[in-house]
């Protein structure tokens, strides 16, 4: 079974960087931030696959390097 992370942790990752949970479009959670394209995260049973969490963290690392 793939490793998973609680959605609440993913929510904190986004919110701490100014993103807002804008919409729930099953099974996706749609995060938005002014000036950015929407970020869709698939959630199953309040869990997010570690693959997506790693992609999210890499996305934020790249953004923070560029600032």
Protein backbone atom coordinates (compact mmCIF):
# COMPACT_ATOMS: atom_id res chain seq x y z
CA UNK A 1 0.00 0.00 0.00
CA UNK A 2 1.25 3.48 -0.87
CA UNK A 3 2.21 5.83 1.92
CA UNK A 4 -0.35 8.53 2.63
CA UNK A 5 -0.52 11.82 4.53
CA UNK A 6 -3.53 13.31 6.31
CA UNK A 7 -5.28 16.00 4.28
CA UNK A 8 -5.08 18.33 7.29
CA UNK A 9 -1.28 18.42 6.88
CA UNK A 10 -1.61 19.29 3.18
CA UNK A 11 -4.12 22.00 4.07
CA UNK A 12 -1.61 23.53 6.51
CA UNK A 13 1.13 23.46 3.83
CA UNK A 14 -1.03 25.51 1.48
CA UNK A 15 -2.56 27.87 4.02
CA UNK A 16 0.81 28.72 5.55
CA UNK A 17 1.85 30.03 2.11
CA UNK A 18 -1.26 32.10 1.45
CA UNK A 19 -3.27 29.57 -0.57
CA UNK A 20 -6.96 29.00 0.20
CA UNK A 21 -9.10 25.90 -0.20
CA UNK A 22 -11.53 27.30 -2.75
CA UNK A 23 -13.61 24.33 -3.82
CA UNK A 24 -14.23 20.64 -3.27
CA UNK A 25 -14.73 18.88 -6.58
CA UNK A 26 -14.72 15.20 -5.61
CA UNK A 27 -12.23 13.67 -5.25
CA UNK A 28 -10.22 16.89 -5.66
CA UNK A 29 -9.56 19.83 -3.39
CA UNK A 30 -8.93 23.01 -5.34
CA UNK A 31 -6.50 25.53 -3.85
CA UNK A 32 -6.18 29.04 -5.21
CA UNK A 33 -3.97 32.06 -4.68
CA UNK A 34 -4.14 35.38 -6.56
CA UNK A 35 -1.73 35.40 -9.50
CA UNK A 36 -1.35 31.59 -9.53
CA UNK A 37 -3.02 28.80 -11.45
CA UNK A 38 -5.35 26.59 -9.38
CA UNK A 39 -3.74 23.58 -7.68
CA UNK A 40 -5.86 20.40 -7.63
CA UNK A 41 -5.08 17.68 -5.10
CA UNK A 42 -6.83 14.28 -5.14
CA UNK A 43 -8.04 13.24 -1.69
CA UNK A 44 -9.34 9.79 -0.81
CA UNK A 45 -10.65 9.08 2.68
CA UNK A 46 -9.09 12.32 4.01
CA UNK A 47 -5.68 11.07 2.86
CA UNK A 48 -3.31 12.31 0.16
CA UNK A 49 -0.82 10.01 -1.55
CA UNK A 50 2.79 10.80 -0.59
CA UNK A 51 3.64 11.28 -4.29
CA UNK A 52 1.42 14.38 -4.39
CA UNK A 53 2.77 15.66 -1.08
CA UNK A 54 6.32 15.42 -2.45
CA UNK A 55 5.27 17.32 -5.59
CA UNK A 56 3.63 20.03 -3.48
CA UNK A 57 6.74 20.44 -1.32
CA UNK A 58 8.97 20.61 -4.42
CA UNK A 59 6.66 23.24 -5.95
CA UNK A 60 6.88 25.40 -2.83
CA UNK A 61 10.67 24.94 -2.55
CA UNK A 62 11.08 26.18 -6.14
CA UNK A 63 8.83 29.17 -5.48
CA UNK A 64 10.71 30.10 -2.32
CA UNK A 65 14.09 29.89 -4.13
CA UNK A 66 12.85 32.33 -6.75
CA UNK A 67 11.91 35.01 -4.22
